[in-house]
């Protein structure tokens, strides 16, 4: 059996914070999670996640959520997850 090496598809995507658009997104801006700040910026309300068909099944939504959660944690913010949500596995 031949060994395989990591490809661009299996590597973690680079997620960037787009503060002006209030979202975390892939470098190509095709997949993203949007948020609204509440309670004077103390609460991040995750309102919408979008992953195009071409990126589905790769864990992209998870990478976006982790980026948002890490940002909130580093800024001492609370999170309001979207509902219904798969974020429960990250938060609890």
PDB file of N, CA and C in Angstrom:
ATOM      1  N   UNK A   1       0.849  -1.173   0.000  1.00  0.00           N
ATOM      2  CA  UNK A   1       0.000   0.000   0.000  1.00  0.00           C
ATOM      3  C   UNK A   1       0.895   1.236   0.000  1.00  0.00           C
ATOM      4  N   UNK A   2       0.612   2.169  -0.876  1.00  0.00           N
ATOM      5  CA  UNK A   2       1.402   3.388  -0.987  1.00  0.00           C
ATOM      6  C   UNK A   2       1.023   4.360   0.115  1.00  0.00           C
ATOM      7  N   UNK A   3       2.001   5.093   0.596  1.00  0.00           N
ATOM      8  CA  UNK A   3       1.697   6.095   1.610  1.00  0.00           C
ATOM      9  C   UNK A   3       1.176   7.348   0.924  1.00  0.00           C
ATOM     10  N   UNK A   4       0.407   8.105   1.661  1.00  0.00           N
ATOM     11  CA  UNK A   4      -0.140   9.336   1.103  1.00  0.00           C
ATOM     12  C   UNK A   4       0.399  10.521   1.881  1.00  0.00           C
ATOM     13  N   UNK A   5       0.400  11.649   1.232  1.00  0.00           N
ATOM     14  CA  UNK A   5       0.831  12.870   1.897  1.00  0.00           C
ATOM     15  C   UNK A   5      -0.343  13.814   1.987  1.00  0.00           C
ATOM     16  N   UNK A   6      -0.252  14.759   2.885  1.00  0.00           N
ATOM     17  CA  UNK A   6      -1.337  15.738   3.058  1.00  0.00           C
ATOM     18  C   UNK A   6      -1.467  16.582   1.799  1.00  0.00           C
ATOM     19  N   UNK A   7      -2.694  16.843   1.433  1.00  0.00           N
ATOM     20  CA  UNK A   7      -2.964  17.710   0.297  1.00  0.00           C
ATOM     21  C   UNK A   7      -3.650  18.957   0.791  1.00  0.00           C
ATOM     22  N   UNK A   8      -3.843  19.898  -0.102  1.00  0.00           N
ATOM     23  CA  UNK A   8      -4.519  21.141   0.272  1.00  0.00           C
ATOM     24  C   UNK A   8      -5.922  20.858   0.808  1.00  0.00           C
ATOM     25  N   UNK A   9      -6.551  19.782   0.337  1.00  0.00           N
ATOM     26  CA  UNK A   9      -7.907  19.473   0.773  1.00  0.00           C
ATOM     27  C   UNK A   9      -7.936  18.945   2.209  1.00  0.00           C
ATOM     28  N   UNK A  10      -6.851  18.323   2.679  1.00  0.00           N
ATOM     29  CA  UNK A  10      -6.862  17.761   4.018  1.00  0.00           C
ATOM     30  C   UNK A  10      -6.238  18.690   5.049  1.00  0.00           C
ATOM     31  N   UNK A  11      -5.574  19.726   4.630  1.00  0.00           N
ATOM     32  CA  UNK A  11      -4.987  20.680   5.550  1.00  0.00           C
ATOM     33  C   UNK A  11      -6.070  21.608   6.091  1.00  0.00           C
ATOM     34  N   UNK A  12      -5.839  22.130   7.284  1.00  0.00           N
ATOM     35  CA  UNK A  12      -6.790  23.077   7.854  1.00  0.00           C
ATOM     36  C   UNK A  12      -6.817  24.342   7.005  1.00  0.00           C
ATOM     37  N   UNK A  13      -8.010  24.794   6.666  1.00  0.00           N
ATOM     38  CA  UNK A  13      -8.099  26.019   5.861  1.00  0.00           C
ATOM     39  C   UNK A  13      -7.737  27.241   6.702  1.00  0.00           C
ATOM     40  N   UNK A  14      -7.251  28.261   6.050  1.00  0.00           N
ATOM     41  CA  UNK A  14      -6.963  29.505   6.761  1.00  0.00           C
ATOM     42  C   UNK A  14      -8.271  30.280   6.877  1.00  0.00           C
ATOM     43  N   UNK A  15      -8.646  30.583   8.111  1.00  0.00           N
ATOM     44  CA  UNK A  15      -9.860  31.356   8.388  1.00  0.00           C
ATOM     45  C   UNK A  15      -9.418  32.744   8.833  1.00  0.00           C
ATOM     46  N   UNK A  16     -10.009  33.767   8.245  1.00  0.00           N
ATOM     47  CA  UNK A  16      -9.646  35.142   8.589  1.00  0.00           C
ATOM     48  C   UNK A  16     -10.845  35.863   9.192  1.00  0.00           C
ATOM     49  N   UNK A  17     -10.555  36.815  10.048  1.00  0.00           N
ATOM     50  CA  UNK A  17     -11.584  37.649  10.668  1.00  0.00           C
ATOM     51  C   UNK A  17     -11.791  38.864   9.800  1.00  0.00           C
ATOM     52  N   UNK A  18     -12.999  39.038   9.298  1.00  0.00           N
ATOM     53  CA  UNK A  18     -13.373  40.208   8.508  1.00  0.00           C
ATOM     54  C   UNK A  18     -14.216  41.085   9.428  1.00  0.00           C
ATOM     55  N   UNK A  19     -13.547  41.960  10.151  1.00  0.00           N
ATOM     56  CA  UNK A  19     -14.215  42.779  11.160  1.00  0.00           C
ATOM     57  C   UNK A  19     -15.274  43.688  10.545  1.00  0.00           C
ATOM     58  N   UNK A  20     -14.992  44.266   9.371  1.00  0.00           N
ATOM     59  CA  UNK A  20     -15.948  45.174   8.728  1.00  0.00           C
ATOM     60  C   UNK A  20     -17.248  44.481   8.342  1.00  0.00           C
ATOM     61  N   UNK A  21     -17.150  43.243   7.898  1.00  0.00           N
ATOM     62  CA  UNK A  21     -18.338  42.480   7.495  1.00  0.00           C
ATOM     63  C   UNK A  21     -18.927  41.691   8.664  1.00  0.00           C
ATOM     64  N   UNK A  22     -18.257  41.734   9.800  1.00  0.00           N
ATOM     65  CA  UNK A  22     -18.654  40.987  10.998  1.00  0.00           C
ATOM     66  C   UNK A  22     -18.851  39.508  10.691  1.00  0.00           C
ATOM     67  N   UNK A  23     -17.753  38.918  10.231  1.00  0.00           N
ATOM     68  CA  UNK A  23     -17.786  37.485   9.953  1.00  0.00           C
ATOM     69  C   UNK A  23     -16.374  36.911   9.925  1.00  0.00           C
ATOM     70  N   UNK A  24     -16.304  35.602  10.063  1.00  0.00           N
ATOM     71  CA  UNK A  24     -15.081  34.845   9.889  1.00  0.00           C
ATOM     72  C   UNK A  24     -15.270  34.099   8.578  1.00  0.00           C
ATOM     73  N   UNK A  25     -14.229  34.077   7.747  1.00  0.00           N
ATOM     74  CA  UNK A  25     -14.383  33.539   6.396  1.00  0.00           C
ATOM     75  C   UNK A  25     -13.111  32.858   5.929  1.00  0.00           C
ATOM     76  N   UNK A  26     -13.271  32.033   4.918  1.00  0.00           N
ATOM     77  CA  UNK A  26     -12.107  31.442   4.270  1.00  0.00           C
ATOM     78  C   UNK A  26     -11.415  32.531   3.457  1.00  0.00           C
ATOM     79  N   UNK A  27     -10.158  32.296   3.112  1.00  0.00           N
ATOM     80  CA  UNK A  27      -9.407  33.313   2.365  1.00  0.00           C
ATOM     81  C   UNK A  27     -10.096  33.700   1.067  1.00  0.00           C
ATOM     82  N   UNK A  28     -10.774  32.755   0.442  1.00  0.00           N
ATOM     83  CA  UNK A  28     -11.467  33.056  -0.820  1.00  0.00           C
ATOM     84  C   UNK A  28     -12.847  33.682  -0.598  1.00  0.00           C
ATOM     85  N   UNK A  29     -13.229  33.870   0.657  1.00  0.00           N
ATOM     86  CA  UNK A  29     -14.485  34.507   1.069  1.00  0.00           C
ATOM     87  C   UNK A  29     -15.738  33.726   0.672  1.00  0.00           C
ATOM     88  N   UNK A  30     -15.591  32.464   0.301  1.00  0.00           N
ATOM     89  CA  UNK A  30     -16.745  31.673  -0.149  1.00  0.00           C
ATOM     90  C   UNK A  30     -17.490  30.993   0.992  1.00  0.00           C
ATOM     91  N   UNK A  31     -16.807  30.679   2.074  1.00  0.00           N
ATOM     92  CA  UNK A  31     -17.443  30.070   3.243  1.00  0.00           C
ATOM     93  C   UNK A  31     -17.270  31.032   4.412  1.00  0.00           C
ATOM     94  N   UNK A  32     -18.321  31.167   5.225  1.00  0.00           N
ATOM     95  CA  UNK A  32     -18.237  32.146   6.311  1.00  0.00           C
ATOM     96  C   UNK A  32     -19.249  31.857   7.412  1.00  0.00           C
ATOM     97  N   UNK A  33     -18.988  32.470   8.566  1.00  0.00           N
ATOM     98  CA  UNK A  33     -19.944  32.491   9.664  1.00  0.00           C
ATOM     99  C   UNK A  33     -20.101  33.956  10.062  1.00  0.00           C
ATOM    100  N   UNK A  34     -21.340  34.438  10.057  1.00  0.00           N
ATOM    101  CA  UNK A  34     -21.635  35.835  10.372  1.00  0.00           C
ATOM    102  C   UNK A  34     -22.072  35.964  11.835  1.00  0.00           C
ATOM    103  N   UNK A  35     -21.804  37.132  12.396  1.00  0.00           N
ATOM    104  CA  UNK A  35     -22.199  37.376  13.774  1.00  0.00           C
ATOM    105  C   UNK A  35     -22.704  38.804  13.951  1.00  0.00           C
ATOM    106  N   UNK A  36     -23.427  38.997  15.049  1.00  0.00           N
ATOM    107  CA  UNK A  36     -23.890  40.313  15.482  1.00  0.00           C
ATOM    108  C   UNK A  36     -23.384  40.493  16.905  1.00  0.00           C
ATOM    109  N   UNK A  37     -22.810  41.646  17.186  1.00  0.00           N
ATOM    110  CA  UNK A  37     -22.375  41.929  18.558  1.00  0.00           C
ATOM    111  C   UNK A  37     -23.548  42.488  19.353  1.00  0.00           C
ATOM    112  N   UNK A  38     -23.704  41.988  20.550  1.00  0.00           N
ATOM    113  CA  UNK A  38     -24.787  42.416  21.428  1.00  0.00           C
ATOM    114  C   UNK A  38     -24.208  42.806  22.793  1.00  0.00           C
ATOM    115  N   UNK A  39     -25.023  43.447  23.597  1.00  0.00           N
ATOM    116  CA  UNK A  39     -24.645  43.809  24.957  1.00  0.00           C
ATOM    117  C   UNK A  39     -23.322  44.582  24.981  1.00  0.00           C
ATOM    118  N   UNK A  40     -23.276  45.641  24.181  1.00  0.00           N
ATOM    119  CA  UNK A  40     -22.088  46.506  24.103  1.00  0.00           C
ATOM    120  C   UNK A  40     -20.822  45.746  23.732  1.00  0.00           C
ATOM    121  N   UNK A  41     -20.955  44.773  22.824  1.00  0.00           N
ATOM    122  CA  UNK A  41     -19.796  44.024  22.353  1.00  0.00           C
ATOM    123  C   UNK A  41     -19.340  42.909  23.270  1.00  0.00           C
ATOM    124  N   UNK A  42     -20.120  42.594  24.283  1.00  0.00           N
ATOM    125  CA  UNK A  42     -19.738  41.536  25.218  1.00  0.00           C
ATOM    126  C   UNK A  42     -20.253  40.171  24.793  1.00  0.00           C
ATOM    127  N   UNK A  43     -21.181  40.151  23.836  1.00  0.00           N
ATOM    128  CA  UNK A  43     -21.803  38.909  23.386  1.00  0.00           C
ATOM    129  C   UNK A  43     -21.719  38.825  21.870  1.00  0.00           C
ATOM    130  N   UNK A  44     -21.230  37.681  21.378  1.00  0.00           N
ATOM    131  CA  UNK A  44     -21.179  37.423  19.937  1.00  0.00           C
ATOM    132  C   UNK A  44     -22.312  36.463  19.589  1.00  0.00           C
ATOM    133  N   UNK A  45     -23.280  36.951  18.838  1.00  0.00           N
ATOM    134  CA  UNK A  45     -24.430  36.164  18.404  1.00  0.00           C
ATOM    135  C   UNK A  45     -24.119  35.623  17.008  1.00  0.00           C
ATOM    136  N   UNK A  46     -23.874  34.321  16.907  1.00  0.00           N
ATOM    137  CA  UNK A  46     -23.556  33.691  15.623  1.00  0.00           C
ATOM    138  C   UNK A  46     -24.868  33.463  14.884  1.00  0.00           C
ATOM    139  N   UNK A  47     -25.092  34.243  13.834  1.00  0.00           N
ATOM    140  CA  UNK A  47     -26.406  34.267  13.208  1.00  0.00           C
ATOM    141  C   UNK A  47     -26.524  33.464  11.912  1.00  0.00           C
ATOM    142  N   UNK A  48     -25.403  33.198  11.229  1.00  0.00           N
ATOM    143  CA  UNK A  48     -25.533  32.508   9.943  1.00  0.00           C
ATOM    144  C   UNK A  48     -24.203  31.893   9.538  1.00  0.00           C
ATOM    145  N   UNK A  49     -24.263  30.658   9.075  1.00  0.00           N
ATOM    146  CA  UNK A  49     -23.086  29.979   8.532  1.00  0.00           C
ATOM    147  C   UNK A  49     -23.406  29.561   7.106  1.00  0.00           C
ATOM    148  N   UNK A  50     -22.443  29.779   6.203  1.00  0.00           N
ATOM    149  CA  UNK A  50     -22.631  29.352   4.820  1.00  0.00           C
ATOM    150  C   UNK A  50     -21.374  28.651   4.323  1.00  0.00           C
ATOM    151  N   UNK A  51     -21.571  27.487   3.733  1.00  0.00           N
ATOM    152  CA  UNK A  51     -20.495  26.741   3.092  1.00  0.00           C
ATOM    153  C   UNK A  51     -21.012  26.319   1.719  1.00  0.00           C
ATOM    154  N   UNK A  52     -20.330  26.736   0.636  1.00  0.00           N
ATOM    155  CA  UNK A  52     -20.791  26.355  -0.699  1.00  0.00           C
ATOM    156  C   UNK A  52     -20.647  24.847  -0.923  1.00  0.00           C
ATOM    157  N   UNK A  53     -21.404  24.333  -1.854  1.00  0.00           N
ATOM    158  CA  UNK A  53     -21.379  22.894  -2.149  1.00  0.00           C
ATOM    159  C   UNK A  53     -19.963  22.372  -2.373  1.00  0.00           C
ATOM    160  N   UNK A  54     -19.150  23.161  -3.036  1.00  0.00           N
ATOM    161  CA  UNK A  54     -17.787  22.724  -3.355  1.00  0.00           C
ATOM    162  C   UNK A  54     -16.913  22.513  -2.122  1.00  0.00           C
ATOM    163  N   UNK A  55     -17.313  23.058  -0.981  1.00  0.00           N
ATOM    164  CA  UNK A  55     -16.521  22.931   0.246  1.00  0.00           C
ATOM    165  C   UNK A  55     -17.216  22.087   1.312  1.00  0.00           C
ATOM    166  N   UNK A  56     -18.388  21.572   1.007  1.00  0.00           N
ATOM    167  CA  UNK A  56     -19.132  20.777   1.988  1.00  0.00           C
ATOM    168  C   UNK A  56     -18.499  19.403   2.175  1.00  0.00           C
ATOM    169  N   UNK A  57     -18.659  18.874   3.367  1.00  0.00           N
ATOM    170  CA  UNK A  57     -18.118  17.557   3.680  1.00  0.00           C
ATOM    171  C   UNK A  57     -16.654  17.581   4.076  1.00  0.00           C
ATOM    172  N   UNK A  58     -16.076  18.767   4.196  1.00  0.00           N
ATOM    173  CA  UNK A  58     -14.658  18.910   4.540  1.00  0.00           C
ATOM    174  C   UNK A  58     -14.459  19.444   5.954  1.00  0.00           C
ATOM    175  N   UNK A  59     -15.543  19.611   6.706  1.00  0.00           N
ATOM    176  CA  UNK A  59     -15.435  20.149   8.052  1.00  0.00           C
ATOM    177  C   UNK A  59     -15.272  21.654   8.092  1.00  0.00           C
ATOM    178  N   UNK A  60     -15.617  22.316   6.998  1.00  0.00           N
ATOM    179  CA  UNK A  60     -15.419  23.764   6.903  1.00  0.00           C
ATOM    180  C   UNK A  60     -16.215  24.528   7.960  1.00  0.00           C
ATOM    181  N   UNK A  61     -17.468  24.150   8.186  1.00  0.00           N
ATOM    182  CA  UNK A  61     -18.286  24.839   9.196  1.00  0.00           C
ATOM    183  C   UNK A  61     -17.646  24.711  10.575  1.00  0.00           C
ATOM    184  N   UNK A  62     -17.058  23.571  10.855  1.00  0.00           N
ATOM    185  CA  UNK A  62     -16.372  23.383  12.135  1.00  0.00           C
ATOM    186  C   UNK A  62     -15.193  24.329  12.269  1.00  0.00           C
ATOM    187  N   UNK A  63     -14.404  24.472  11.218  1.00  0.00           N
ATOM    188  CA  UNK A  63     -13.251  25.383  11.249  1.00  0.00           C
ATOM    189  C   UNK A  63     -13.711  26.823  11.462  1.00  0.00           C
ATOM    190  N   UNK A  64     -14.787  27.202  10.815  1.00  0.00           N
ATOM    191  CA  UNK A  64     -15.323  28.557  10.985  1.00  0.00           C
ATOM    192  C   UNK A  64     -15.783  28.775  12.422  1.00  0.00           C
ATOM    193  N   UNK A  65     -16.490  27.801  12.964  1.00  0.00           N
ATOM    194  CA  UNK A  65     -16.988  27.915  14.341  1.00  0.00           C
ATOM    195  C   UNK A  65     -15.851  27.982  15.348  1.00  0.00           C
ATOM    196  N   UNK A  66     -14.839  27.170  15.162  1.00  0.00           N
ATOM    197  CA  UNK A  66     -13.697  27.189  16.078  1.00  0.00           C
ATOM    198  C   UNK A  66     -13.020  28.553  16.046  1.00  0.00           C
ATOM    199  N   UNK A  67     -12.878  29.137  14.863  1.00  0.00           N
ATOM    200  CA  UNK A  67     -12.265  30.467  14.755  1.00  0.00           C
ATOM    201  C   UNK A  67     -13.092  31.500  15.523  1.00  0.00           C
ATOM    202  N   UNK A  68     -14.413  31.452  15.367  1.00  0.00           N
ATOM    203  CA  UNK A  68     -15.285  32.401  16.073  1.00  0.00           C
ATOM    204  C   UNK A  68     -15.225  32.179  17.579  1.00  0.00           C
ATOM    205  N   UNK A  69     -15.253  30.923  18.011  1.00  0.00           N
ATOM    206  CA  UNK A  69     -15.200  30.625  19.435  1.00  0.00           C
ATOM    207  C   UNK A  69     -13.867  31.048  20.055  1.00  0.00           C
ATOM    208  N   UNK A  70     -12.784  30.801  19.347  1.00  0.00           N
ATOM    209  CA  UNK A  70     -11.467  31.216  19.853  1.00  0.00           C
ATOM    210  C   UNK A  70     -11.377  32.732  19.962  1.00  0.00           C
ATOM    211  N   UNK A  71     -11.921  33.428  18.981  1.00  0.00           N
ATOM    212  CA  UNK A  71     -11.916  34.893  19.014  1.00  0.00           C
ATOM    213  C   UNK A  71     -12.723  35.398  20.213  1.00  0.00           C
ATOM    214  N   UNK A  72     -13.902  34.840  20.394  1.00  0.00           N
ATOM    215  CA  UNK A  72     -14.748  35.253  21.512  1.00  0.00           C
ATOM    216  C   UNK A  72     -14.054  34.987  22.849  1.00  0.00           C
ATOM    217  N   UNK A  73     -13.460  33.825  22.972  1.00  0.00           N
ATOM    218  CA  UNK A  73     -12.766  33.479  24.215  1.00  0.00           C
ATOM    219  C   UNK A  73     -11.612  34.441  24.486  1.00  0.00           C
ATOM    220  N   UNK A  74     -10.827  34.748  23.460  1.00  0.00           N
ATOM    221  CA  UNK A  74      -9.671  35.626  23.658  1.00  0.00           C
ATOM    222  C   UNK A  74     -10.067  37.070  23.947  1.00  0.00           C
ATOM    223  N   UNK A  75     -11.336  37.414  23.653  1.00  0.00           N
ATOM    224  CA  UNK A  75     -11.836  38.757  23.932  1.00  0.00           C
ATOM    225  C   UNK A  75     -12.859  38.765  25.073  1.00  0.00           C
ATOM    226  N   UNK A  76     -12.897  37.678  25.847  1.00  0.00           N
ATOM    227  CA  UNK A  76     -13.797  37.538  27.001  1.00  0.00           C
ATOM    228  C   UNK A  76     -15.258  37.812  26.640  1.00  0.00           C
ATOM    229  N   UNK A  77     -15.671  37.280  25.504  1.00  0.00           N
ATOM    230  CA  UNK A  77     -17.046  37.448  25.038  1.00  0.00           C
ATOM    231  C   UNK A  77     -17.831  36.169  25.263  1.00  0.00           C
ATOM    232  N   UNK A  78     -19.128  36.316  25.475  1.00  0.00           N
ATOM    233  CA  UNK A  78     -20.037  35.171  25.515  1.00  0.00           C
ATOM    234  C   UNK A  78     -20.495  34.892  24.092  1.00  0.00           C
ATOM    235  N   UNK A  79     -21.034  33.704  23.884  1.00  0.00           N
ATOM    236  CA  UNK A  79     -21.492  33.276  22.559  1.00  0.00           C
ATOM    237  C   UNK A  79     -22.974  32.930  22.611  1.00  0.00           C
ATOM    238  N   UNK A  80     -23.703  33.337  21.589  1.00  0.00           N
ATOM    239  CA  UNK A  80     -25.059  32.844  21.356  1.00  0.00           C
ATOM    240  C   UNK A  80     -24.958  32.015  20.081  1.00  0.00           C
ATOM    241  N   UNK A  81     -25.040  30.682  20.191  1.00  0.00           N
ATOM    242  CA  UNK A  81     -24.913  29.838  19.002  1.00  0.00           C
ATOM    243  C   UNK A  81     -26.177  29.878  18.161  1.00  0.00           C
ATOM    244  N   UNK A  82     -26.034  29.617  16.866  1.00  0.00           N
ATOM    245  CA  UNK A  82     -27.229  29.535  16.020  1.00  0.00           C
ATOM    246  C   UNK A  82     -28.034  28.293  16.402  1.00  0.00           C
ATOM    247  N   UNK A  83     -29.316  28.313  16.139  1.00  0.00           N
ATOM    248  CA  UNK A  83     -30.154  27.158  16.464  1.00  0.00           C
ATOM    249  C   UNK A  83     -30.963  26.771  15.239  1.00  0.00           C
ATOM    250  N   UNK A  84     -31.143  25.517  14.918  1.00  0.00           N
ATOM    251  CA  UNK A  84     -30.539  24.377  15.601  1.00  0.00           C
ATOM    252  C   UNK A  84     -29.034  24.383  15.375  1.00  0.00           C
ATOM    253  N   UNK A  85     -28.314  23.749  16.266  1.00  0.00           N
ATOM    254  CA  UNK A  85     -26.866  23.912  16.193  1.00  0.00           C
ATOM    255  C   UNK A  85     -26.094  22.628  16.407  1.00  0.00           C
ATOM    256  N   UNK A  86     -24.981  22.554  15.735  1.00  0.00           N
ATOM    257  CA  UNK A  86     -24.037  21.489  15.996  1.00  0.00           C
ATOM    258  C   UNK A  86     -22.927  22.013  16.903  1.00  0.00           C
ATOM    259  N   UNK A  87     -22.998  23.284  17.276  1.00  0.00           N
ATOM    260  CA  UNK A  87     -21.984  23.898  18.140  1.00  0.00           C
ATOM    261  C   UNK A  87     -22.000  23.338  19.559  1.00  0.00           C
ATOM    262  N   UNK A  88     -23.064  22.676  19.922  1.00  0.00           N
ATOM    263  CA  UNK A  88     -23.168  22.156  21.277  1.00  0.00           C
ATOM    264  C   UNK A  88     -21.945  21.299  21.593  1.00  0.00           C
ATOM    265  N   UNK A  89     -21.437  20.557  20.615  1.00  0.00           N
ATOM    266  CA  UNK A  89     -20.273  19.721  20.864  1.00  0.00           C
ATOM    267  C   UNK A  89     -19.019  20.545  21.135  1.00  0.00           C
ATOM    268  N   UNK A  90     -18.963  21.786  20.668  1.00  0.00           N
ATOM    269  CA  UNK A  90     -17.816  22.638  20.919  1.00  0.00           C
ATOM    270  C   UNK A  90     -17.961  23.392  22.235  1.00  0.00           C
ATOM    271  N   UNK A  91     -19.171  23.797  22.556  1.00  0.00           N
ATOM    272  CA  UNK A  91     -19.415  24.664  23.708  1.00  0.00           C
ATOM    273  C   UNK A  91     -19.499  23.855  25.000  1.00  0.00           C
ATOM    274  N   UNK A  92     -20.127  22.684  24.961  1.00  0.00           N
ATOM    275  CA  UNK A  92     -20.351  21.918  26.197  1.00  0.00           C
ATOM    276  C   UNK A  92     -19.460  20.729  26.277  1.00  0.00           C
TER     277      UNK A  92
END
